Amino acid sequence: MRCALGHPPSFWTDLRTALREDDEALHHRLLGLRESAGLPESVSALRVADVAVWTAHPAPGHRCP
């Protein structure tokens, strides 16, 4: 996921902050995506974010440094 986001230096801290901001709006949005996809509650919000970023990441021929 870090490659797709440009290798931010404080990736995990920034992600934790983003998931907590605005009364956990991002976290709740990810849980809503999970529900819309019909996934079980055992799939975490972090995993939903991982898959969303991965699917939007450049694919054919792209090589992360």
C-alpha atoms as a PDB file:
ATOM      1  CA  MET A   1       0.000   0.000   0.000  1.00  0.00           C
ATOM      2  CA  ARG A   2       2.903   2.384   0.710  1.00  0.00           C
ATOM      3  CA  CYS A   3       4.103   2.201  -2.895  1.00  0.00           C
ATOM      4  CA  ALA A   4       0.680   3.159  -4.244  1.00  0.00           C
ATOM      5  CA  LEU A   5       0.615   6.162  -1.918  1.00  0.00           C
ATOM      6  CA  GLY A   6       4.133   7.347  -2.748  1.00  0.00           C
ATOM      7  CA  HIS A   7       6.042   5.963   0.270  1.00  0.00           C
ATOM      8  CA  PRO A   8       5.043   8.648   2.790  1.00  0.00           C
ATOM      9  CA  PRO A   9       7.608   8.726   5.630  1.00  0.00           C
ATOM     10  CA  SER A  10       5.042   8.514   8.412  1.00  0.00           C
ATOM     11  CA  PHE A  11       2.648   6.160   6.629  1.00  0.00           C
ATOM     12  CA  TRP A  12       1.279   4.258   9.628  1.00  0.00           C
ATOM     13  CA  THR A  13       0.948   7.360  11.807  1.00  0.00           C
ATOM     14  CA  ASP A  14      -0.816   9.227   8.988  1.00  0.00           C
ATOM     15  CA  LEU A  15      -3.139   6.292   8.362  1.00  0.00           C
ATOM     16  CA  ARG A  16      -4.013   6.007  12.041  1.00  0.00           C
ATOM     17  CA  THR A  17      -4.750   9.737  12.134  1.00  0.00           C
ATOM     18  CA  ALA A  18      -6.895   9.568   8.990  1.00  0.00           C
ATOM     19  CA  LEU A  19      -8.937   6.694  10.404  1.00  0.00           C
ATOM     20  CA  ARG A  20      -9.636   8.699  13.586  1.00  0.00           C
ATOM     21  CA  GLU A  21     -10.316  12.141  12.059  1.00  0.00           C
ATOM     22  CA  ASP A  22     -13.783  13.639  11.650  1.00  0.00           C
ATOM     23  CA  ASP A  23     -15.382  11.338  14.200  1.00  0.00           C
ATOM     24  CA  GLU A  24     -13.835   8.307  12.424  1.00  0.00           C
ATOM     25  CA  ALA A  25     -15.520   9.174   9.097  1.00  0.00           C
ATOM     26  CA  LEU A  26     -12.995   7.243   6.976  1.00  0.00           C
ATOM     27  CA  HIS A  27     -13.219   4.199   9.214  1.00  0.00           C
ATOM     28  CA  HIS A  28     -17.017   4.212   8.960  1.00  0.00           C
ATOM     29  CA  ARG A  29     -16.845   4.692   5.176  1.00  0.00           C
ATOM     30  CA  LEU A  30     -14.586   1.656   4.883  1.00  0.00           C
ATOM     31  CA  LEU A  31     -16.971  -0.382   7.012  1.00  0.00           C
ATOM     32  CA  GLY A  32     -19.794   0.759   4.720  1.00  0.00           C
ATOM     33  CA  LEU A  33     -17.826  -0.421   1.687  1.00  0.00           C
ATOM     34  CA  ARG A  34     -17.317  -3.762   3.395  1.00  0.00           C
ATOM     35  CA  GLU A  35     -21.037  -4.063   4.012  1.00  0.00           C
ATOM     36  CA  SER A  36     -21.884  -3.018   0.428  1.00  0.00           C
ATOM     37  CA  ALA A  37     -19.549  -5.709  -0.861  1.00  0.00           C
ATOM     38  CA  GLY A  38     -21.252  -8.311   1.326  1.00  0.00           C
ATOM     39  CA  LEU A  39     -18.050  -9.130   3.182  1.00  0.00           C
ATOM     40  CA  PRO A  40     -18.075 -10.621   6.684  1.00  0.00           C
ATOM     41  CA  GLU A  41     -17.218  -8.566   9.761  1.00  0.00           C
ATOM     42  CA  SER A  42     -13.974 -10.531  10.028  1.00  0.00           C
ATOM     43  CA  VAL A  43     -12.652  -8.387   7.147  1.00  0.00           C
ATOM     44  CA  SER A  44     -11.180  -5.310   8.835  1.00  0.00           C
ATOM     45  CA  ALA A  45     -11.507  -1.699   7.719  1.00  0.00           C
ATOM     46  CA  LEU A  46      -7.743  -1.722   7.157  1.00  0.00           C
ATOM     47  CA  ARG A  47      -8.060  -4.685   4.774  1.00  0.00           C
ATOM     48  CA  VAL A  48     -10.847  -2.896   2.881  1.00  0.00           C
ATOM     49  CA  ALA A  49      -8.551   0.151   2.536  1.00  0.00           C
ATOM     50  CA  ASP A  50      -5.698  -2.103   1.395  1.00  0.00           C
ATOM     51  CA  VAL A  51      -7.785  -3.664  -1.367  1.00  0.00           C
ATOM     52  CA  ALA A  52      -9.251  -0.303  -2.447  1.00  0.00           C
ATOM     53  CA  VAL A  53      -5.791   1.239  -2.795  1.00  0.00           C
ATOM     54  CA  TRP A  54      -4.385  -1.885  -4.449  1.00  0.00           C
ATOM     55  CA  THR A  55      -7.125  -1.976  -7.092  1.00  0.00           C
ATOM     56  CA  ALA A  56      -6.583   1.712  -7.901  1.00  0.00           C
ATOM     57  CA  HIS A  57      -2.792   1.264  -8.100  1.00  0.00           C
ATOM     58  CA  PRO A  58      -1.163   1.309 -11.568  1.00  0.00           C
ATOM     59  CA  ALA A  59      -0.882  -2.283 -12.686  1.00  0.00           C
ATOM     60  CA  PRO A  60       0.500  -3.570 -16.009  1.00  0.00           C
ATOM     61  CA  GLY A  61       4.234  -2.988 -16.141  1.00  0.00           C
ATOM     62  CA  HIS A  62       4.348  -0.862 -12.985  1.00  0.00           C
ATOM     63  CA  ARG A  63       7.168  -1.674 -10.630  1.00  0.00           C
ATOM     64  CA  CYS A  64       7.309  -0.214  -7.161  1.00  0.00           C
ATOM     65  CA  PRO A  65      10.778   0.940  -6.151  1.00  0.00           C
END
